[in-house]
Amino acid sequence: MGKEKYNLFSILAIIFTFVFYPLGLIFGIIALSQIKKTGEKGRGLAIVPIVFGIVIIALVMIGIIWVVIQGIMAS
């Protein structure tokens, strides 16, 4: 049982990655946890939103740091 169907949260994660990436990241983490317990399909569908979410968050943080540094250098 479990191997024949995809995890619902992994499908939602990949969809929400393109709609609202933070929710895709959260659903991807939930999906990985459930897949580990149930053995369902969808591990790849869960990993993509996690990686995408982490990359976007890192880019936003780099952007914020860059703006702060530019503000300090301008004053």
PDB file of N, CA and C in Angstrom:
ATOM      1  N   MET A   1       0.825  -1.195   0.000  1.00  0.00           N
ATOM      2  CA  MET A   1       0.000   0.000   0.000  1.00  0.00           C
ATOM      3  C   MET A   1       0.867   1.257   0.000  1.00  0.00           C
ATOM      4  N   GLY A   2       0.404   2.316  -0.688  1.00  0.00           N
ATOM      5  CA  GLY A   2       1.090   3.584  -0.640  1.00  0.00           C
ATOM      6  C   GLY A   2       1.952   3.885  -1.851  1.00  0.00           C
ATOM      7  N   LYS A   3       2.584   2.891  -2.443  1.00  0.00           N
ATOM      8  CA  LYS A   3       3.514   3.127  -3.543  1.00  0.00           C
ATOM      9  C   LYS A   3       2.797   3.528  -4.837  1.00  0.00           C
ATOM     10  N   GLU A   4       1.517   3.248  -4.971  1.00  0.00           N
ATOM     11  CA  GLU A   4       0.815   3.476  -6.229  1.00  0.00           C
ATOM     12  C   GLU A   4       0.281   4.892  -6.416  1.00  0.00           C
ATOM     13  N   LYS A   5       0.261   5.714  -5.384  1.00  0.00           N
ATOM     14  CA  LYS A   5      -0.291   7.064  -5.541  1.00  0.00           C
ATOM     15  C   LYS A   5       0.700   8.133  -5.083  1.00  0.00           C
ATOM     16  N   TYR A   6       0.470   9.341  -5.612  1.00  0.00           N
ATOM     17  CA  TYR A   6       1.307  10.484  -5.239  1.00  0.00           C
ATOM     18  C   TYR A   6       0.778  11.121  -3.968  1.00  0.00           C
ATOM     19  N   ASN A   7       1.675  11.633  -3.170  1.00  0.00           N
ATOM     20  CA  ASN A   7       1.308  12.355  -1.964  1.00  0.00           C
ATOM     21  C   ASN A   7       0.639  13.668  -2.349  1.00  0.00           C
ATOM     22  N   LEU A   8      -0.504  13.955  -1.746  1.00  0.00           N
ATOM     23  CA  LEU A   8      -1.264  15.163  -2.060  1.00  0.00           C
ATOM     24  C   LEU A   8      -0.459  16.425  -1.792  1.00  0.00           C
ATOM     25  N   PHE A   9       0.269  16.471  -0.679  1.00  0.00           N
ATOM     26  CA  PHE A   9       1.036  17.662  -0.348  1.00  0.00           C
ATOM     27  C   PHE A   9       2.182  17.897  -1.339  1.00  0.00           C
ATOM     28  N   SER A  10       2.731  16.834  -1.926  1.00  0.00           N
ATOM     29  CA  SER A  10       3.791  17.034  -2.922  1.00  0.00           C
ATOM     30  C   SER A  10       3.223  17.671  -4.183  1.00  0.00           C
ATOM     31  N   ILE A  11       2.016  17.304  -4.556  1.00  0.00           N
ATOM     32  CA  ILE A  11       1.361  17.917  -5.718  1.00  0.00           C
ATOM     33  C   ILE A  11       1.022  19.375  -5.419  1.00  0.00           C
ATOM     34  N   LEU A  12       0.474  19.617  -4.238  1.00  0.00           N
ATOM     35  CA  LEU A  12       0.156  20.995  -3.845  1.00  0.00           C
ATOM     36  C   LEU A  12       1.415  21.845  -3.758  1.00  0.00           C
ATOM     37  N   ALA A  13       2.507  21.252  -3.291  1.00  0.00           N
ATOM     38  CA  ALA A  13       3.768  21.986  -3.152  1.00  0.00           C
ATOM     39  C   ALA A  13       4.252  22.491  -4.502  1.00  0.00           C
ATOM     40  N   ILE A  14       4.218  21.630  -5.512  1.00  0.00           N
ATOM     41  CA  ILE A  14       4.714  22.044  -6.826  1.00  0.00           C
ATOM     42  C   ILE A  14       3.791  23.096  -7.440  1.00  0.00           C
ATOM     43  N   ILE A  15       2.501  23.000  -7.193  1.00  0.00           N
ATOM     44  CA  ILE A  15       1.553  23.994  -7.713  1.00  0.00           C
ATOM     45  C   ILE A  15       1.776  25.338  -7.020  1.00  0.00           C
ATOM     46  N   PHE A  16       1.844  25.322  -5.693  1.00  0.00           N
ATOM     47  CA  PHE A  16       1.987  26.571  -4.953  1.00  0.00           C
ATOM     48  C   PHE A  16       3.360  27.212  -5.121  1.00  0.00           C
ATOM     49  N   THR A  17       4.336  26.468  -5.595  1.00  0.00           N
ATOM     50  CA  THR A  17       5.646  27.049  -5.868  1.00  0.00           C
ATOM     51  C   THR A  17       5.517  28.163  -6.893  1.00  0.00           C
ATOM     52  N   PHE A  18       4.609  28.000  -7.847  1.00  0.00           N
ATOM     53  CA  PHE A  18       4.429  28.999  -8.903  1.00  0.00           C
ATOM     54  C   PHE A  18       3.387  30.053  -8.535  1.00  0.00           C
ATOM     55  N   VAL A  19       2.584  29.794  -7.504  1.00  0.00           N
ATOM     56  CA  VAL A  19       1.535  30.731  -7.096  1.00  0.00           C
ATOM     57  C   VAL A  19       2.001  31.576  -5.912  1.00  0.00           C
ATOM     58  N   PHE A  20       2.487  30.898  -4.874  1.00  0.00           N
ATOM     59  CA  PHE A  20       2.925  31.559  -3.634  1.00  0.00           C
ATOM     60  C   PHE A  20       4.008  30.681  -3.029  1.00  0.00           C
ATOM     61  N   TYR A  21       5.271  30.966  -3.405  1.00  0.00           N
ATOM     62  CA  TYR A  21       6.365  30.050  -3.101  1.00  0.00           C
ATOM     63  C   TYR A  21       6.546  29.705  -1.619  1.00  0.00           C
ATOM     64  N   PRO A  22       6.275  30.606  -0.649  1.00  0.00           N
ATOM     65  CA  PRO A  22       6.456  30.177   0.742  1.00  0.00           C
ATOM     66  C   PRO A  22       5.533  29.010   1.124  1.00  0.00           C
ATOM     67  N   LEU A  23       4.323  29.022   0.585  1.00  0.00           N
ATOM     68  CA  LEU A  23       3.397  27.921   0.863  1.00  0.00           C
ATOM     69  C   LEU A  23       3.882  26.641   0.186  1.00  0.00           C
ATOM     70  N   GLY A  24       4.459  26.777  -1.005  1.00  0.00           N
ATOM     71  CA  GLY A  24       5.046  25.614  -1.677  1.00  0.00           C
ATOM     72  C   GLY A  24       6.178  25.014  -0.871  1.00  0.00           C
ATOM     73  N   LEU A  25       6.988  25.866  -0.260  1.00  0.00           N
ATOM     74  CA  LEU A  25       8.091  25.413   0.589  1.00  0.00           C
ATOM     75  C   LEU A  25       7.556  24.638   1.795  1.00  0.00           C
ATOM     76  N   ILE A  26       6.552  25.191   2.442  1.00  0.00           N
ATOM     77  CA  ILE A  26       5.961  24.533   3.623  1.00  0.00           C
ATOM     78  C   ILE A  26       5.328  23.201   3.240  1.00  0.00           C
ATOM     79  N   PHE A  27       4.547  23.200   2.136  1.00  0.00           N
ATOM     80  CA  PHE A  27       3.909  21.954   1.702  1.00  0.00           C
ATOM     81  C   PHE A  27       4.950  20.911   1.294  1.00  0.00           C
ATOM     82  N   GLY A  28       6.060  21.354   0.717  1.00  0.00           N
ATOM     83  CA  GLY A  28       7.118  20.424   0.340  1.00  0.00           C
ATOM     84  C   GLY A  28       7.734  19.741   1.547  1.00  0.00           C
ATOM     85  N   ILE A  29       7.940  20.503   2.609  1.00  0.00           N
ATOM     86  CA  ILE A  29       8.489  19.932   3.842  1.00  0.00           C
ATOM     87  C   ILE A  29       7.501  18.937   4.457  1.00  0.00           C
ATOM     88  N   ILE A  30       6.233  19.313   4.483  1.00  0.00           N
ATOM     89  CA  ILE A  30       5.202  18.406   5.010  1.00  0.00           C
ATOM     90  C   ILE A  30       5.151  17.135   4.167  1.00  0.00           C
ATOM     91  N   ALA A  31       5.196  17.299   2.844  1.00  0.00           N
ATOM     92  CA  ALA A  31       5.137  16.145   1.945  1.00  0.00           C
ATOM     93  C   ALA A  31       6.297  15.182   2.179  1.00  0.00           C
ATOM     94  N   LEU A  32       7.512  15.710   2.316  1.00  0.00           N
ATOM     95  CA  LEU A  32       8.664  14.833   2.554  1.00  0.00           C
ATOM     96  C   LEU A  32       8.496  14.021   3.833  1.00  0.00           C
ATOM     97  N   SER A  33       7.976  14.680   4.854  1.00  0.00           N
ATOM     98  CA  SER A  33       7.742  13.990   6.121  1.00  0.00           C
ATOM     99  C   SER A  33       6.723  12.874   5.949  1.00  0.00           C
ATOM    100  N   GLN A  34       5.638  13.160   5.249  1.00  0.00           N
ATOM    101  CA  GLN A  34       4.596  12.148   5.046  1.00  0.00           C
ATOM    102  C   GLN A  34       5.081  11.015   4.151  1.00  0.00           C
ATOM    103  N   ILE A  35       5.826  11.354   3.088  1.00  0.00           N
ATOM    104  CA  ILE A  35       6.321  10.339   2.157  1.00  0.00           C
ATOM    105  C   ILE A  35       7.259   9.375   2.871  1.00  0.00           C
ATOM    106  N   LYS A  36       8.050   9.898   3.780  1.00  0.00           N
ATOM    107  CA  LYS A  36       8.969   9.043   4.540  1.00  0.00           C
ATOM    108  C   LYS A  36       8.195   7.996   5.344  1.00  0.00           C
ATOM    109  N   LYS A  37       7.040   8.414   5.887  1.00  0.00           N
ATOM    110  CA  LYS A  37       6.235   7.497   6.702  1.00  0.00           C
ATOM    111  C   LYS A  37       5.382   6.550   5.862  1.00  0.00           C
ATOM    112  N   THR A  38       4.804   7.059   4.751  1.00  0.00           N
ATOM    113  CA  THR A  38       3.825   6.277   3.991  1.00  0.00           C
ATOM    114  C   THR A  38       4.407   5.530   2.802  1.00  0.00           C
ATOM    115  N   GLY A  39       5.538   6.002   2.268  1.00  0.00           N
ATOM    116  CA  GLY A  39       6.126   5.370   1.097  1.00  0.00           C
ATOM    117  C   GLY A  39       5.448   5.766  -0.201  1.00  0.00           C
ATOM    118  N   GLU A  40       4.646   6.826  -0.176  1.00  0.00           N
ATOM    119  CA  GLU A  40       3.967   7.276  -1.389  1.00  0.00           C
ATOM    120  C   GLU A  40       4.975   7.846  -2.378  1.00  0.00           C
ATOM    121  N   LYS A  41       4.510   8.041  -3.623  1.00  0.00           N
ATOM    122  CA  LYS A  41       5.317   8.700  -4.646  1.00  0.00           C
ATOM    123  C   LYS A  41       5.279  10.206  -4.415  1.00  0.00           C
ATOM    124  N   GLY A  42       6.202  10.929  -5.050  1.00  0.00           N
ATOM    125  CA  GLY A  42       6.170  12.376  -5.014  1.00  0.00           C
ATOM    126  C   GLY A  42       7.358  13.027  -4.334  1.00  0.00           C
ATOM    127  N   ARG A  43       8.384  12.255  -4.061  1.00  0.00           N
ATOM    128  CA  ARG A  43       9.551  12.825  -3.370  1.00  0.00           C
ATOM    129  C   ARG A  43      10.174  13.960  -4.181  1.00  0.00           C
ATOM    130  N   GLY A  44      10.324  13.761  -5.489  1.00  0.00           N
ATOM    131  CA  GLY A  44      10.888  14.795  -6.352  1.00  0.00           C
ATOM    132  C   GLY A  44      10.006  16.027  -6.414  1.00  0.00           C
ATOM    133  N   LEU A  45       8.694  15.801  -6.449  1.00  0.00           N
ATOM    134  CA  LEU A  45       7.749  16.914  -6.462  1.00  0.00           C
ATOM    135  C   LEU A  45       7.833  17.710  -5.169  1.00  0.00           C
ATOM    136  N   ALA A  46       8.233  17.101  -4.096  1.00  0.00           N
ATOM    137  CA  ALA A  46       8.358  17.786  -2.816  1.00  0.00           C
ATOM    138  C   ALA A  46       9.706  18.501  -2.684  1.00  0.00           C
ATOM    139  N   ILE A  47      10.745  17.950  -3.283  1.00  0.00           N
ATOM    140  CA  ILE A  47      12.083  18.526  -3.154  1.00  0.00           C
ATOM    141  C   ILE A  47      12.239  19.805  -3.985  1.00  0.00           C
ATOM    142  N   VAL A  48      11.663  19.832  -5.175  1.00  0.00           N
ATOM    143  CA  VAL A  48      11.796  21.006  -6.049  1.00  0.00           C
ATOM    144  C   VAL A  48      11.307  22.287  -5.367  1.00  0.00           C
ATOM    145  N   PRO A  49      10.111  22.318  -4.767  1.00  0.00           N
ATOM    146  CA  PRO A  49       9.676  23.550  -4.099  1.00  0.00           C
ATOM    147  C   PRO A  49      10.548  23.940  -2.906  1.00  0.00           C
ATOM    148  N   ILE A  50      11.104  22.956  -2.227  1.00  0.00           N
ATOM    149  CA  ILE A  50      11.978  23.251  -1.093  1.00  0.00           C
ATOM    150  C   ILE A  50      13.237  23.956  -1.580  1.00  0.00           C
ATOM    151  N   VAL A  51      13.850  23.414  -2.610  1.00  0.00           N
ATOM    152  CA  VAL A  51      15.071  24.022  -3.167  1.00  0.00           C
ATOM    153  C   VAL A  51      14.755  25.411  -3.721  1.00  0.00           C
ATOM    154  N   PHE A  52      13.661  25.518  -4.475  1.00  0.00           N
ATOM    155  CA  PHE A  52      13.263  26.802  -5.052  1.00  0.00           C
ATOM    156  C   PHE A  52      13.022  27.837  -3.954  1.00  0.00           C
ATOM    157  N   GLY A  53      12.308  27.442  -2.909  1.00  0.00           N
ATOM    158  CA  GLY A  53      12.013  28.354  -1.807  1.00  0.00           C
ATOM    159  C   GLY A  53      13.264  28.829  -1.096  1.00  0.00           C
ATOM    160  N   ILE A  54      14.200  27.919  -0.865  1.00  0.00           N
ATOM    161  CA  ILE A  54      15.451  28.284  -0.195  1.00  0.00           C
ATOM    162  C   ILE A  54      16.265  29.239  -1.067  1.00  0.00           C
ATOM    163  N   VAL A  55      16.315  28.985  -2.372  1.00  0.00           N
ATOM    164  CA  VAL A  55      17.060  29.869  -3.285  1.00  0.00           C
ATOM    165  C   VAL A  55      16.440  31.263  -3.295  1.00  0.00           C
ATOM    166  N   ILE A  56      15.109  31.339  -3.375  1.00  0.00           N
ATOM    167  CA  ILE A  56      14.438  32.644  -3.392  1.00  0.00           C
ATOM    168  C   ILE A  56      14.693  33.394  -2.084  1.00  0.00           C
ATOM    169  N   ILE A  57      14.579  32.709  -0.965  1.00  0.00           N
ATOM    170  CA  ILE A  57      14.827  33.354   0.331  1.00  0.00           C
ATOM    171  C   ILE A  57      16.271  33.854   0.410  1.00  0.00           C
ATOM    172  N   ALA A  58      17.222  33.061  -0.074  1.00  0.00           N
ATOM    173  CA  ALA A  58      18.627  33.479  -0.063  1.00  0.00           C
ATOM    174  C   ALA A  58      18.830  34.714  -0.944  1.00  0.00           C
ATOM    175  N   LEU A  59      18.204  34.740  -2.113  1.00  0.00           N
ATOM    176  CA  LEU A  59      18.339  35.898  -2.996  1.00  0.00           C
ATOM    177  C   LEU A  59      17.730  37.154  -2.378  1.00  0.00           C
ATOM    178  N   VAL A  60      16.604  36.999  -1.718  1.00  0.00           N
ATOM    179  CA  VAL A  60      15.976  38.142  -1.046  1.00  0.00           C
ATOM    180  C   VAL A  60      16.896  38.662   0.061  1.00  0.00           C
ATOM    181  N   MET A  61      17.475  37.757   0.828  1.00  0.00           N
ATOM    182  CA  MET A  61      18.371  38.176   1.908  1.00  0.00           C
ATOM    183  C   MET A  61      19.607  38.883   1.355  1.00  0.00           C
ATOM    184  N   ILE A  62      20.155  38.367   0.261  1.00  0.00           N
ATOM    185  CA  ILE A  62      21.311  39.019  -0.369  1.00  0.00           C
ATOM    186  C   ILE A  62      20.914  40.407  -0.854  1.00  0.00           C
ATOM    187  N   GLY A  63      19.727  40.525  -1.426  1.00  0.00           N
ATOM    188  CA  GLY A  63      19.241  41.820  -1.882  1.00  0.00           C
ATOM    189  C   GLY A  63      19.080  42.813  -0.749  1.00  0.00           C
ATOM    190  N   ILE A  64      18.535  42.358   0.367  1.00  0.00           N
ATOM    191  CA  ILE A  64      18.365  43.227   1.531  1.00  0.00           C
ATOM    192  C   ILE A  64      19.726  43.682   2.056  1.00  0.00           C
ATOM    193  N   ILE A  65      20.668  42.760   2.162  1.00  0.00           N
ATOM    194  CA  ILE A  65      22.006  43.102   2.635  1.00  0.00           C
ATOM    195  C   ILE A  65      22.660  44.103   1.689  1.00  0.00           C
ATOM    196  N   TRP A  66      22.496  43.912   0.379  1.00  0.00           N
ATOM    197  CA  TRP A  66      23.071  44.820  -0.609  1.00  0.00           C
ATOM    198  C   TRP A  66      22.494  46.228  -0.455  1.00  0.00           C
ATOM    199  N   VAL A  67      21.162  46.318  -0.267  1.00  0.00           N
ATOM    200  CA  VAL A  67      20.525  47.629  -0.090  1.00  0.00           C
ATOM    201  C   VAL A  67      21.034  48.306   1.181  1.00  0.00           C
ATOM    202  N   VAL A  68      21.166  47.551   2.254  1.00  0.00           N
ATOM    203  CA  VAL A  68      21.661  48.116   3.514  1.00  0.00           C
ATOM    204  C   VAL A  68      23.095  48.616   3.330  1.00  0.00           C
ATOM    205  N   ILE A  69      23.926  47.817   2.707  1.00  0.00           N
ATOM    206  CA  ILE A  69      25.320  48.238   2.484  1.00  0.00           C
ATOM    207  C   ILE A  69      25.377  49.486   1.611  1.00  0.00           C
ATOM    208  N   GLN A  70      24.565  49.549   0.568  1.00  0.00           N
ATOM    209  CA  GLN A  70      24.537  50.726  -0.290  1.00  0.00           C
ATOM    210  C   GLN A  70      24.083  51.963   0.496  1.00  0.00           C
ATOM    211  N   GLY A  71      23.127  51.784   1.389  1.00  0.00           N
ATOM    212  CA  GLY A  71      22.652  52.892   2.219  1.00  0.00           C
ATOM    213  C   GLY A  71      23.727  53.390   3.175  1.00  0.00           C
ATOM    214  N   ILE A  72      24.491  52.468   3.736  1.00  0.00           N
ATOM    215  CA  ILE A  72      25.573  52.839   4.658  1.00  0.00           C
ATOM    216  C   ILE A  72      26.676  53.562   3.897  1.00  0.00           C
ATOM    217  N   MET A  73      26.999  53.079   2.710  1.00  0.00           N
ATOM    218  CA  MET A  73      28.076  53.686   1.925  1.00  0.00           C
ATOM    219  C   MET A  73      27.680  55.067   1.380  1.00  0.00           C
ATOM    220  N   ALA A  74      26.398  55.277   1.178  1.00  0.00           N
ATOM    221  CA  ALA A  74      25.941  56.553   0.623  1.00  0.00           C
ATOM    222  C   ALA A  74      25.939  57.661   1.681  1.00  0.00           C
ATOM    223  N   SER A  75      25.860  57.278   2.939  1.00  0.00           N
ATOM    224  CA  SER A  75      25.789  58.312   3.990  1.00  0.00           C
ATOM    225  C   SER A  75      27.139  58.714   4.512  1.00  0.00           C
TER     226      SER A  75
END
